[in-house]
């Protein structure tokens, strides 16, 4: 990192002679990936992608203590005043502290800022004009309209993540899905799958059998839905941040957890028989294995 450029940029930020877009440009040029503003310790820490760090002081005098309560409305008004009216950074700092902000992280490549309160509250604001467009029902249906088997599941997950989906629930009795986005957006799709009967008697071993069949490409999505209902699954939740799929029974109890594969599938070859078995695939796992002995199987 260019610490001389960072120090000069931090100084100009404090004296109000540099706008936020200019600050971002200078810090990126200095190879800063993100920085942390600490209103309790009155300092800023700048980090590079390689883990290097540089610290500069916040040397304002007469600042208030950080309020105990996190006031999101006051914080957003403070942010908007800076964006629209170019309020001085000192005034922004004072108002943020009065709104209960103990510090924030500014992610330059991620184009967003996350503010934190004293009790763990947080609020994220995108840089101006950087927030992704919200996904629509048509976007989701287009992703699902592509022909899929269980072996195509990683590709579907990538398509959904590209739209901004962070998690979704599939409700088997209605065939509906609830998709959730990064900013709290949710889209409900009725009839996104077949409505199936759900057995009141959960059968974990049967569920594992059907998942294995599906992930090897032997069944399609509607077939899996019917088989999961037969095994007592009422809904499943796919978390695209933790890359897990969790199955629940009608009582809301967790039946099973599967890791969503983050690699591609390849043809499986039995070391005993030699040639590959058509339609049977296993994932090429790119992440590190879990340190736990009783780890969920990958994939689904």
Foldseek 3Di string as FASTA:
>chain_A
DQQVLVQVLVVCLLVLNDAPVRSLVSVVVVQFQKKKQAQVQQKIWTAHPVGDIDIDGNPDPPADAQDQAAAPVQLVVLVVCCVPVVDRVVVSSNSRSPNQFRMWMQGSVLQKIWTAGPVGDIDMDGHPPPDDDADDPVQLLVLLVPFDFLQCVLVSLVSCVVNAWFKKKQFQQFRKMWTAGDVGDIDIDTNVEDREAADQAAALVQLVVLNQCRNLRNGHDNVNSHSNRVNAFRMWMQGSVQQKIWTAGPVRDTRAIFGAANFHKDFDADPVVGDTDPSGIDGDHDDDDDPDPPDHYDDD
